[in-house]
Amino acid sequence: MNAHQLDDDGVIINTIVVESLDVFPSLVDASIGGQRGDSVVNGAVIPKPLTKDEINAPILAQIAELEKQGEKPRRVREAVATEAGRLWMIALDAQIFNLRKTLVK
């Protein structure tokens, strides 16, 4: 069976294969879920809090992709030449602005 090994604070520090939970006193059945860094409180897994970088990474990737769309020279020249193109650029800028507001500082 798989078992989580907990530290003194109830944080999962390792997951190992054992025949019985009696092998070590700090083992709990891993079938409850969880992974390294999560806590186990009263038999329930509490996920570890995400770091600022983990939260911001997908947002920054989305911003980079939108900025790449707006930087293509031919597309930009064509975009500002028409009303629809100007509206497209404004919408693109608004998306980027709104995404930047969601970044964790």
PDB file of N, CA and C in Angstrom:
ATOM      1  N   MET A   1       0.847  -1.175   0.000  1.00  0.00           N
ATOM      2  CA  MET A   1       0.000   0.000   0.000  1.00  0.00           C
ATOM      3  C   MET A   1       0.883   1.226   0.000  1.00  0.00           C
ATOM      4  N   ASN A   2       0.374   2.323  -0.523  1.00  0.00           N
ATOM      5  CA  ASN A   2       1.082   3.598  -0.472  1.00  0.00           C
ATOM      6  C   ASN A   2       0.734   4.309   0.826  1.00  0.00           C
ATOM      7  N   ALA A   3       1.735   4.957   1.398  1.00  0.00           N
ATOM      8  CA  ALA A   3       1.524   5.676   2.654  1.00  0.00           C
ATOM      9  C   ALA A   3       2.287   6.990   2.611  1.00  0.00           C
ATOM     10  N   HIS A   4       1.662   8.028   3.154  1.00  0.00           N
ATOM     11  CA  HIS A   4       2.321   9.320   3.291  1.00  0.00           C
ATOM     12  C   HIS A   4       3.062   9.339   4.620  1.00  0.00           C
ATOM     13  N   GLN A   5       4.275   9.837   4.585  1.00  0.00           N
ATOM     14  CA  GLN A   5       5.037  10.059   5.805  1.00  0.00           C
ATOM     15  C   GLN A   5       4.876  11.531   6.159  1.00  0.00           C
ATOM     16  N   LEU A   6       4.480  11.806   7.407  1.00  0.00           N
ATOM     17  CA  LEU A   6       4.212  13.171   7.843  1.00  0.00           C
ATOM     18  C   LEU A   6       5.314  13.664   8.764  1.00  0.00           C
ATOM     19  N   ASP A   7       5.562  14.988   8.734  1.00  0.00           N
ATOM     20  CA  ASP A   7       6.472  15.571   9.717  1.00  0.00           C
ATOM     21  C   ASP A   7       5.686  15.882  10.989  1.00  0.00           C
ATOM     22  N   ASP A   8       6.323  16.512  11.958  1.00  0.00           N
ATOM     23  CA  ASP A   8       5.671  16.788  13.241  1.00  0.00           C
ATOM     24  C   ASP A   8       4.478  17.728  13.124  1.00  0.00           C
ATOM     25  N   ASP A   9       4.437  18.513  12.046  1.00  0.00           N
ATOM     26  CA  ASP A   9       3.327  19.454  11.840  1.00  0.00           C
ATOM     27  C   ASP A   9       2.213  18.873  10.981  1.00  0.00           C
ATOM     28  N   GLY A  10       2.331  17.609  10.584  1.00  0.00           N
ATOM     29  CA  GLY A  10       1.295  16.981   9.765  1.00  0.00           C
ATOM     30  C   GLY A  10       1.446  17.251   8.284  1.00  0.00           C
ATOM     31  N   VAL A  11       2.622  17.701   7.865  1.00  0.00           N
ATOM     32  CA  VAL A  11       2.876  17.990   6.450  1.00  0.00           C
ATOM     33  C   VAL A  11       3.462  16.742   5.794  1.00  0.00           C
ATOM     34  N   ILE A  12       2.955  16.411   4.609  1.00  0.00           N
ATOM     35  CA  ILE A  12       3.454  15.246   3.878  1.00  0.00           C
ATOM     36  C   ILE A  12       4.875  15.539   3.404  1.00  0.00           C
ATOM     37  N   ILE A  13       5.817  14.683   3.832  1.00  0.00           N
ATOM     38  CA  ILE A  13       7.204  14.874   3.416  1.00  0.00           C
ATOM     39  C   ILE A  13       7.666  13.803   2.438  1.00  0.00           C
ATOM     40  N   ASN A  14       6.902  12.708   2.337  1.00  0.00           N
ATOM     41  CA  ASN A  14       7.283  11.633   1.439  1.00  0.00           C
ATOM     42  C   ASN A  14       6.093  10.681   1.285  1.00  0.00           C
ATOM     43  N   THR A  15       6.076   9.961   0.175  1.00  0.00           N
ATOM     44  CA  THR A  15       5.095   8.896  -0.022  1.00  0.00           C
ATOM     45  C   THR A  15       5.873   7.632  -0.346  1.00  0.00           C
ATOM     46  N   ILE A  16       5.606   6.577   0.398  1.00  0.00           N
ATOM     47  CA  ILE A  16       6.364   5.339   0.255  1.00  0.00           C
ATOM     48  C   ILE A  16       5.409   4.155   0.134  1.00  0.00           C
ATOM     49  N   VAL A  17       5.957   3.020  -0.278  1.00  0.00           N
ATOM     50  CA  VAL A  17       5.190   1.780  -0.358  1.00  0.00           C
ATOM     51  C   VAL A  17       5.527   0.950   0.880  1.00  0.00           C
ATOM     52  N   VAL A  18       4.496   0.535   1.609  1.00  0.00           N
ATOM     53  CA  VAL A  18       4.686  -0.272   2.816  1.00  0.00           C
ATOM     54  C   VAL A  18       3.658  -1.399   2.830  1.00  0.00           C
ATOM     55  N   GLU A  19       3.931  -2.393   3.646  1.00  0.00           N
ATOM     56  CA  GLU A  19       2.963  -3.478   3.811  1.00  0.00           C
ATOM     57  C   GLU A  19       1.899  -3.105   4.832  1.00  0.00           C
ATOM     58  N   SER A  20       2.290  -2.246   5.784  1.00  0.00           N
ATOM     59  CA  SER A  20       1.379  -1.863   6.856  1.00  0.00           C
ATOM     60  C   SER A  20       1.710  -0.454   7.318  1.00  0.00           C
ATOM     61  N   LEU A  21       0.707   0.251   7.820  1.00  0.00           N
ATOM     62  CA  LEU A  21       0.937   1.596   8.359  1.00  0.00           C
ATOM     63  C   LEU A  21       1.684   1.562   9.684  1.00  0.00           C
ATOM     64  N   ASP A  22       1.839   0.378  10.252  1.00  0.00           N
ATOM     65  CA  ASP A  22       2.522   0.227  11.532  1.00  0.00           C
ATOM     66  C   ASP A  22       4.041   0.291  11.405  1.00  0.00           C
ATOM     67  N   VAL A  23       4.555   0.363  10.177  1.00  0.00           N
ATOM     68  CA  VAL A  23       6.005   0.389   9.962  1.00  0.00           C
ATOM     69  C   VAL A  23       6.637   1.600  10.635  1.00  0.00           C
ATOM     70  N   PHE A  24       6.016   2.761  10.473  1.00  0.00           N
ATOM     71  CA  PHE A  24       6.472   4.006  11.100  1.00  0.00           C
ATOM     72  C   PHE A  24       5.273   4.653  11.779  1.00  0.00           C
ATOM     73  N   PRO A  25       5.516   5.377  12.869  1.00  0.00           N
ATOM     74  CA  PRO A  25       4.387   6.020  13.551  1.00  0.00           C
ATOM     75  C   PRO A  25       3.801   7.212  12.788  1.00  0.00           C
ATOM     76  N   SER A  26       4.550   7.774  11.858  1.00  0.00           N
ATOM     77  CA  SER A  26       4.080   8.989  11.177  1.00  0.00           C
ATOM     78  C   SER A  26       3.467   8.711   9.812  1.00  0.00           C
ATOM     79  N   LEU A  27       2.928   7.517   9.596  1.00  0.00           N
ATOM     80  CA  LEU A  27       2.351   7.164   8.293  1.00  0.00           C
ATOM     81  C   LEU A  27       0.833   7.261   8.304  1.00  0.00           C
ATOM     82  N   VAL A  28       0.294   7.706   7.170  1.00  0.00           N
ATOM     83  CA  VAL A  28      -1.155   7.681   6.947  1.00  0.00           C
ATOM     84  C   VAL A  28      -1.395   7.081   5.565  1.00  0.00           C
ATOM     85  N   ASP A  29      -2.520   6.478   5.383  1.00  0.00           N
ATOM     86  CA  ASP A  29      -2.876   5.854   4.108  1.00  0.00           C
ATOM     87  C   ASP A  29      -2.915   6.927   3.012  1.00  0.00           C
ATOM     88  N   ALA A  30      -2.156   6.714   1.949  1.00  0.00           N
ATOM     89  CA  ALA A  30      -2.071   7.699   0.864  1.00  0.00           C
ATOM     90  C   ALA A  30      -3.302   7.703  -0.027  1.00  0.00           C
ATOM     91  N   SER A  31      -4.218   6.768   0.170  1.00  0.00           N
ATOM     92  CA  SER A  31      -5.429   6.757  -0.663  1.00  0.00           C
ATOM     93  C   SER A  31      -6.324   7.962  -0.373  1.00  0.00           C
ATOM     94  N   ILE A  32      -6.025   8.716   0.686  1.00  0.00           N
ATOM     95  CA  ILE A  32      -6.791   9.946   0.970  1.00  0.00           C
ATOM     96  C   ILE A  32      -6.427  11.056   0.009  1.00  0.00           C
ATOM     97  N   GLY A  33      -5.376  10.845  -0.794  1.00  0.00           N
ATOM     98  CA  GLY A  33      -4.923  11.854  -1.744  1.00  0.00           C
ATOM     99  C   GLY A  33      -3.801  12.688  -1.146  1.00  0.00           C
ATOM    100  N   GLY A  34      -3.455  13.742  -1.820  1.00  0.00           N
ATOM    101  CA  GLY A  34      -2.412  14.629  -1.339  1.00  0.00           C
ATOM    102  C   GLY A  34      -1.060  14.338  -1.957  1.00  0.00           C
ATOM    103  N   GLN A  35      -0.181  15.286  -1.774  1.00  0.00           N
ATOM    104  CA  GLN A  35       1.175  15.170  -2.287  1.00  0.00           C
ATOM    105  C   GLN A  35       2.121  15.922  -1.365  1.00  0.00           C
ATOM    106  N   ARG A  36       3.406  15.818  -1.641  1.00  0.00           N
ATOM    107  CA  ARG A  36       4.409  16.451  -0.793  1.00  0.00           C
ATOM    108  C   ARG A  36       4.083  17.935  -0.597  1.00  0.00           C
ATOM    109  N   GLY A  37       4.129  18.365   0.658  1.00  0.00           N
ATOM    110  CA  GLY A  37       3.848  19.756   0.981  1.00  0.00           C
ATOM    111  C   GLY A  37       2.431  19.999   1.471  1.00  0.00           C
ATOM    112  N   ASP A  38       1.502  19.082   1.142  1.00  0.00           N
ATOM    113  CA  ASP A  38       0.133  19.200   1.644  1.00  0.00           C
ATOM    114  C   ASP A  38       0.121  18.788   3.115  1.00  0.00           C
ATOM    115  N   SER A  39      -0.905  19.230   3.828  1.00  0.00           N
ATOM    116  CA  SER A  39      -1.055  18.864   5.238  1.00  0.00           C
ATOM    117  C   SER A  39      -2.189  17.852   5.393  1.00  0.00           C
ATOM    118  N   VAL A  40      -2.079  17.039   6.443  1.00  0.00           N
ATOM    119  CA  VAL A  40      -3.138  16.101   6.786  1.00  0.00           C
ATOM    120  C   VAL A  40      -3.634  16.489   8.177  1.00  0.00           C
ATOM    121  N   VAL A  41      -4.910  16.872   8.239  1.00  0.00           N
ATOM    122  CA  VAL A  41      -5.516  17.294   9.503  1.00  0.00           C
ATOM    123  C   VAL A  41      -6.774  16.461   9.717  1.00  0.00           C
ATOM    124  N   ASN A  42      -6.808  15.725  10.816  1.00  0.00           N
ATOM    125  CA  ASN A  42      -7.942  14.865  11.139  1.00  0.00           C
ATOM    126  C   ASN A  42      -8.327  13.956   9.979  1.00  0.00           C
ATOM    127  N   GLY A  43      -7.327  13.419   9.290  1.00  0.00           N
ATOM    128  CA  GLY A  43      -7.576  12.490   8.197  1.00  0.00           C
ATOM    129  C   GLY A  43      -7.946  13.130   6.873  1.00  0.00           C
ATOM    130  N   ALA A  44      -7.968  14.448   6.818  1.00  0.00           N
ATOM    131  CA  ALA A  44      -8.301  15.146   5.573  1.00  0.00           C
ATOM    132  C   ALA A  44      -7.071  15.875   5.041  1.00  0.00           C
ATOM    133  N   VAL A  45      -6.929  15.876   3.724  1.00  0.00           N
ATOM    134  CA  VAL A  45      -5.798  16.546   3.086  1.00  0.00           C
ATOM    135  C   VAL A  45      -6.142  18.010   2.849  1.00  0.00           C
ATOM    136  N   ILE A  46      -5.228  18.864   3.256  1.00  0.00           N
ATOM    137  CA  ILE A  46      -5.353  20.302   3.000  1.00  0.00           C
ATOM    138  C   ILE A  46      -4.209  20.675   2.061  1.00  0.00           C
ATOM    139  N   PRO A  47      -4.526  21.080   0.830  1.00  0.00           N
ATOM    140  CA  PRO A  47      -3.471  21.381  -0.136  1.00  0.00           C
ATOM    141  C   PRO A  47      -2.573  22.511   0.350  1.00  0.00           C
ATOM    142  N   LYS A  48      -1.294  22.397  -0.033  1.00  0.00           N
ATOM    143  CA  LYS A  48      -0.365  23.461   0.326  1.00  0.00           C
ATOM    144  C   LYS A  48      -0.765  24.728  -0.425  1.00  0.00           C
ATOM    145  N   PRO A  49      -0.553  25.881   0.189  1.00  0.00           N
ATOM    146  CA  PRO A  49      -0.890  27.122  -0.499  1.00  0.00           C
ATOM    147  C   PRO A  49       0.021  27.319  -1.707  1.00  0.00           C
ATOM    148  N   LEU A  50      -0.533  27.855  -2.765  1.00  0.00           N
ATOM    149  CA  LEU A  50       0.264  28.135  -3.954  1.00  0.00           C
ATOM    150  C   LEU A  50       1.166  29.334  -3.695  1.00  0.00           C
ATOM    151  N   THR A  51       2.345  29.299  -4.289  1.00  0.00           N
ATOM    152  CA  THR A  51       3.247  30.443  -4.179  1.00  0.00           C
ATOM    153  C   THR A  51       2.809  31.509  -5.178  1.00  0.00           C
ATOM    154  N   LYS A  52       3.334  32.700  -4.985  1.00  0.00           N
ATOM    155  CA  LYS A  52       3.039  33.802  -5.897  1.00  0.00           C
ATOM    156  C   LYS A  52       3.435  33.417  -7.323  1.00  0.00           C
ATOM    157  N   ASP A  53       4.589  32.791  -7.479  1.00  0.00           N
ATOM    158  CA  ASP A  53       5.053  32.404  -8.814  1.00  0.00           C
ATOM    159  C   ASP A  53       4.148  31.348  -9.452  1.00  0.00           C
ATOM    160  N   GLU A  54       3.646  30.404  -8.653  1.00  0.00           N
ATOM    161  CA  GLU A  54       2.749  29.375  -9.181  1.00  0.00           C
ATOM    162  C   GLU A  54       1.420  29.980  -9.632  1.00  0.00           C
ATOM    163  N   ILE A  55       0.957  30.985  -8.926  1.00  0.00           N
ATOM    164  CA  ILE A  55      -0.289  31.656  -9.300  1.00  0.00           C
ATOM    165  C   ILE A  55      -0.089  32.504 -10.552  1.00  0.00           C
ATOM    166  N   ASN A  56       1.030  33.224 -10.611  1.00  0.00           N
ATOM    167  CA  ASN A  56       1.263  34.166 -11.699  1.00  0.00           C
ATOM    168  C   ASN A  56       1.705  33.521 -13.007  1.00  0.00           C
ATOM    169  N   ALA A  57       2.319  32.342 -12.965  1.00  0.00           N
ATOM    170  CA  ALA A  57       2.887  31.727 -14.173  1.00  0.00           C
ATOM    171  C   ALA A  57       1.881  31.588 -15.318  1.00  0.00           C
ATOM    172  N   PRO A  58       0.691  31.009 -15.105  1.00  0.00           N
ATOM    173  CA  PRO A  58      -0.228  30.887 -16.243  1.00  0.00           C
ATOM    174  C   PRO A  58      -0.768  32.243 -16.719  1.00  0.00           C
ATOM    175  N   ILE A  59      -0.879  33.196 -15.814  1.00  0.00           N
ATOM    176  CA  ILE A  59      -1.346  34.536 -16.203  1.00  0.00           C
ATOM    177  C   ILE A  59      -0.296  35.206 -17.070  1.00  0.00           C
ATOM    178  N   LEU A  60       0.979  35.118 -16.663  1.00  0.00           N
ATOM    179  CA  LEU A  60       2.066  35.715 -17.438  1.00  0.00           C
ATOM    180  C   LEU A  60       2.189  35.060 -18.810  1.00  0.00           C
ATOM    181  N   ALA A  61       1.953  33.760 -18.884  1.00  0.00           N
ATOM    182  CA  ALA A  61       1.999  33.067 -20.172  1.00  0.00           C
ATOM    183  C   ALA A  61       0.886  33.563 -21.091  1.00  0.00           C
ATOM    184  N   GLN A  62      -0.279  33.790 -20.524  1.00  0.00           N
ATOM    185  CA  GLN A  62      -1.410  34.296 -21.315  1.00  0.00           C
ATOM    186  C   GLN A  62      -1.119  35.723 -21.802  1.00  0.00           C
ATOM    187  N   ILE A  63      -0.542  36.546 -20.945  1.00  0.00           N
ATOM    188  CA  ILE A  63      -0.180  37.914 -21.334  1.00  0.00           C
ATOM    189  C   ILE A  63       0.843  37.880 -22.457  1.00  0.00           C
ATOM    190  N   ALA A  64       1.860  37.037 -22.327  1.00  0.00           N
ATOM    191  CA  ALA A  64       2.896  36.937 -23.357  1.00  0.00           C
ATOM    192  C   ALA A  64       2.303  36.542 -24.702  1.00  0.00           C
ATOM    193  N   GLU A  65       1.361  35.605 -24.687  1.00  0.00           N
ATOM    194  CA  GLU A  65       0.731  35.167 -25.932  1.00  0.00           C
ATOM    195  C   GLU A  65      -0.070  36.309 -26.566  1.00  0.00           C
ATOM    196  N   LEU A  66      -0.810  37.050 -25.762  1.00  0.00           N
ATOM    197  CA  LEU A  66      -1.580  38.180 -26.290  1.00  0.00           C
ATOM    198  C   LEU A  66      -0.667  39.269 -26.820  1.00  0.00           C
ATOM    199  N   GLU A  67       0.422  39.534 -26.106  1.00  0.00           N
ATOM    200  CA  GLU A  67       1.367  40.554 -26.573  1.00  0.00           C
ATOM    201  C   GLU A  67       2.006  40.133 -27.892  1.00  0.00           C
ATOM    202  N   LYS A  68       2.271  38.833 -28.048  1.00  0.00           N
ATOM    203  CA  LYS A  68       2.853  38.326 -29.282  1.00  0.00           C
ATOM    204  C   LYS A  68       1.884  38.547 -30.448  1.00  0.00           C
ATOM    205  N   GLN A  69       0.600  38.365 -30.203  1.00  0.00           N
ATOM    206  CA  GLN A  69      -0.404  38.591 -31.249  1.00  0.00           C
ATOM    207  C   GLN A  69      -0.383  40.047 -31.693  1.00  0.00           C
ATOM    208  N   GLY A  70      -0.242  40.954 -30.737  1.00  0.00           N
ATOM    209  CA  GLY A  70      -0.266  42.376 -31.051  1.00  0.00           C
ATOM    210  C   GLY A  70       1.021  42.909 -31.631  1.00  0.00           C
ATOM    211  N   GLU A  71       2.105  42.140 -31.548  1.00  0.00           N
ATOM    212  CA  GLU A  71       3.406  42.625 -32.027  1.00  0.00           C
ATOM    213  C   GLU A  71       3.725  42.235 -33.459  1.00  0.00           C
ATOM    214  N   LYS A  72       2.947  41.391 -34.059  1.00  0.00           N
ATOM    215  CA  LYS A  72       3.247  40.968 -35.427  1.00  0.00           C
ATOM    216  C   LYS A  72       3.104  42.185 -36.336  1.00  0.00           C
ATOM    217  N   PRO A  73       4.206  42.657 -36.924  1.00  0.00           N
ATOM    218  CA  PRO A  73       4.209  43.927 -37.668  1.00  0.00           C
ATOM    219  C   PRO A  73       3.142  44.042 -38.750  1.00  0.00           C
ATOM    220  N   ARG A  74       3.016  43.040 -39.596  1.00  0.00           N
ATOM    221  CA  ARG A  74       2.028  43.134 -40.677  1.00  0.00           C
ATOM    222  C   ARG A  74       0.625  43.233 -40.097  1.00  0.00           C
ATOM    223  N   ARG A  75       0.355  42.433 -39.105  1.00  0.00           N
ATOM    224  CA  ARG A  75      -0.970  42.421 -38.498  1.00  0.00           C
ATOM    225  C   ARG A  75      -1.282  43.756 -37.830  1.00  0.00           C
ATOM    226  N   VAL A  76      -0.284  44.349 -37.182  1.00  0.00           N
ATOM    227  CA  VAL A  76      -0.489  45.633 -36.520  1.00  0.00           C
ATOM    228  C   VAL A  76      -0.775  46.711 -37.559  1.00  0.00           C
ATOM    229  N   ARG A  77       0.005  46.746 -38.644  1.00  0.00           N
ATOM    230  CA  ARG A  77      -0.237  47.765 -39.694  1.00  0.00           C
ATOM    231  C   ARG A  77      -1.639  47.621 -40.276  1.00  0.00           C
ATOM    232  N   GLU A  78      -2.040  46.364 -40.534  1.00  0.00           N
ATOM    233  CA  GLU A  78      -3.377  46.123 -41.079  1.00  0.00           C
ATOM    234  C   GLU A  78      -4.445  46.480 -40.043  1.00  0.00           C
ATOM    235  N   ALA A  79      -4.155  46.194 -38.794  1.00  0.00           N
ATOM    236  CA  ALA A  79      -5.148  46.407 -37.746  1.00  0.00           C
ATOM    237  C   ALA A  79      -5.480  47.875 -37.572  1.00  0.00           C
ATOM    238  N   VAL A  80      -4.481  48.729 -37.557  1.00  0.00           N
ATOM    239  CA  VAL A  80      -4.766  50.144 -37.307  1.00  0.00           C
ATOM    240  C   VAL A  80      -5.298  50.844 -38.543  1.00  0.00           C
ATOM    241  N   ALA A  81      -5.270  50.169 -39.689  1.00  0.00           N
ATOM    242  CA  ALA A  81      -5.753  50.771 -40.926  1.00  0.00           C
ATOM    243  C   ALA A  81      -7.281  50.742 -41.025  1.00  0.00           C
ATOM    244  N   THR A  82      -7.939  49.940 -40.201  1.00  0.00           N
ATOM    245  CA  THR A  82      -9.393  49.857 -40.261  1.00  0.00           C
ATOM    246  C   THR A  82      -9.985  50.086 -38.865  1.00  0.00           C
ATOM    247  N   GLU A  83     -11.232  50.445 -38.849  1.00  0.00           N
ATOM    248  CA  GLU A  83     -11.925  50.634 -37.564  1.00  0.00           C
ATOM    249  C   GLU A  83     -12.000  49.321 -36.794  1.00  0.00           C
ATOM    250  N   ALA A  84     -12.300  48.242 -37.515  1.00  0.00           N
ATOM    251  CA  ALA A  84     -12.364  46.938 -36.869  1.00  0.00           C
ATOM    252  C   ALA A  84     -11.000  46.563 -36.297  1.00  0.00           C
ATOM    253  N   GLY A  85      -9.949  46.893 -37.007  1.00  0.00           N
ATOM    254  CA  GLY A  85      -8.593  46.611 -36.535  1.00  0.00           C
ATOM    255  C   GLY A  85      -8.251  47.407 -35.293  1.00  0.00           C
ATOM    256  N   ARG A  86      -8.648  48.676 -35.268  1.00  0.00           N
ATOM    257  CA  ARG A  86      -8.399  49.503 -34.079  1.00  0.00           C
ATOM    258  C   ARG A  86      -9.164  48.947 -32.877  1.00  0.00           C
ATOM    259  N   LEU A  87     -10.392  48.509 -33.108  1.00  0.00           N
ATOM    260  CA  LEU A  87     -11.177  47.919 -32.024  1.00  0.00           C
ATOM    261  C   LEU A  87     -10.539  46.616 -31.539  1.00  0.00           C
ATOM    262  N   TRP A  88      -9.979  45.851 -32.487  1.00  0.00           N
ATOM    263  CA  TRP A  88      -9.289  44.615 -32.124  1.00  0.00           C
ATOM    264  C   TRP A  88      -8.095  44.919 -31.223  1.00  0.00           C
ATOM    265  N   MET A  89      -7.315  45.935 -31.580  1.00  0.00           N
ATOM    266  CA  MET A  89      -6.146  46.312 -30.777  1.00  0.00           C
ATOM    267  C   MET A  89      -6.573  46.823 -29.392  1.00  0.00           C
ATOM    268  N   ILE A  90      -7.641  47.587 -29.348  1.00  0.00           N
ATOM    269  CA  ILE A  90      -8.148  48.084 -28.060  1.00  0.00           C
ATOM    270  C   ILE A  90      -8.594  46.920 -27.188  1.00  0.00           C
ATOM    271  N   ALA A  91      -9.288  45.972 -27.783  1.00  0.00           N
ATOM    272  CA  ALA A  91      -9.744  44.792 -27.025  1.00  0.00           C
ATOM    273  C   ALA A  91      -8.557  43.978 -26.534  1.00  0.00           C
ATOM    274  N   LEU A  92      -7.537  43.841 -27.373  1.00  0.00           N
ATOM    275  CA  LEU A  92      -6.329  43.114 -26.986  1.00  0.00           C
ATOM    276  C   LEU A  92      -5.645  43.808 -25.807  1.00  0.00           C
ATOM    277  N   ASP A  93      -5.504  45.119 -25.899  1.00  0.00           N
ATOM    278  CA  ASP A  93      -4.896  45.888 -24.802  1.00  0.00           C
ATOM    279  C   ASP A  93      -5.719  45.766 -23.520  1.00  0.00           C
ATOM    280  N   ALA A  94      -7.034  45.760 -23.650  1.00  0.00           N
ATOM    281  CA  ALA A  94      -7.899  45.635 -22.472  1.00  0.00           C
ATOM    282  C   ALA A  94      -7.732  44.265 -21.818  1.00  0.00           C
ATOM    283  N   GLN A  95      -7.616  43.211 -22.627  1.00  0.00           N
ATOM    284  CA  GLN A  95      -7.395  41.871 -22.079  1.00  0.00           C
ATOM    285  C   GLN A  95      -6.086  41.822 -21.296  1.00  0.00           C
ATOM    286  N   ILE A  96      -5.044  42.380 -21.882  1.00  0.00           N
ATOM    287  CA  ILE A  96      -3.737  42.393 -21.217  1.00  0.00           C
ATOM    288  C   ILE A  96      -3.814  43.201 -19.926  1.00  0.00           C
ATOM    289  N   PHE A  97      -4.455  44.352 -19.973  1.00  0.00           N
ATOM    290  CA  PHE A  97      -4.594  45.199 -18.784  1.00  0.00           C
ATOM    291  C   PHE A  97      -5.321  44.442 -17.673  1.00  0.00           C
ATOM    292  N   ASN A  98      -6.425  43.788 -18.021  1.00  0.00           N
ATOM    293  CA  ASN A  98      -7.206  43.051 -17.020  1.00  0.00           C
ATOM    294  C   ASN A  98      -6.426  41.862 -16.463  1.00  0.00           C
ATOM    295  N   LEU A  99      -5.658  41.176 -17.288  1.00  0.00           N
ATOM    296  CA  LEU A  99      -4.846  40.077 -16.802  1.00  0.00           C
ATOM    297  C   LEU A  99      -3.763  40.588 -15.840  1.00  0.00           C
ATOM    298  N   ARG A 100      -3.141  41.712 -16.172  1.00  0.00           N
ATOM    299  CA  ARG A 100      -2.115  42.271 -15.288  1.00  0.00           C
ATOM    300  C   ARG A 100      -2.690  42.620 -13.910  1.00  0.00           C
ATOM    301  N   LYS A 101      -3.959  43.015 -13.868  1.00  0.00           N
ATOM    302  CA  LYS A 101      -4.584  43.342 -12.585  1.00  0.00           C
ATOM    303  C   LYS A 101      -4.756  42.102 -11.711  1.00  0.00           C
ATOM    304  N   THR A 102      -4.777  40.917 -12.304  1.00  0.00           N
ATOM    305  CA  THR A 102      -4.983  39.691 -11.529  1.00  0.00           C
ATOM    306  C   THR A 102      -3.672  39.111 -10.981  1.00  0.00           C
ATOM    307  N   LEU A 103      -2.535  39.675 -11.409  1.00  0.00           N
ATOM    308  CA  LEU A 103      -1.252  39.174 -10.919  1.00  0.00           C
ATOM    309  C   LEU A 103      -1.124  39.415  -9.417  1.00  0.00           C
ATOM    310  N   VAL A 104      -0.552  38.459  -8.734  1.00  0.00           N
ATOM    311  CA  VAL A 104      -0.321  38.578  -7.289  1.00  0.00           C
ATOM    312  C   VAL A 104       0.992  39.296  -7.090  1.00  0.00           C
ATOM    313  N   LYS A 105       0.972  40.314  -6.281  1.00  0.00           N
ATOM    314  CA  LYS A 105       2.181  41.117  -6.052  1.00  0.00           C
ATOM    315  C   LYS A 105       2.932  40.601  -4.857  1.00  0.00           C
TER     316      LYS A 105
END
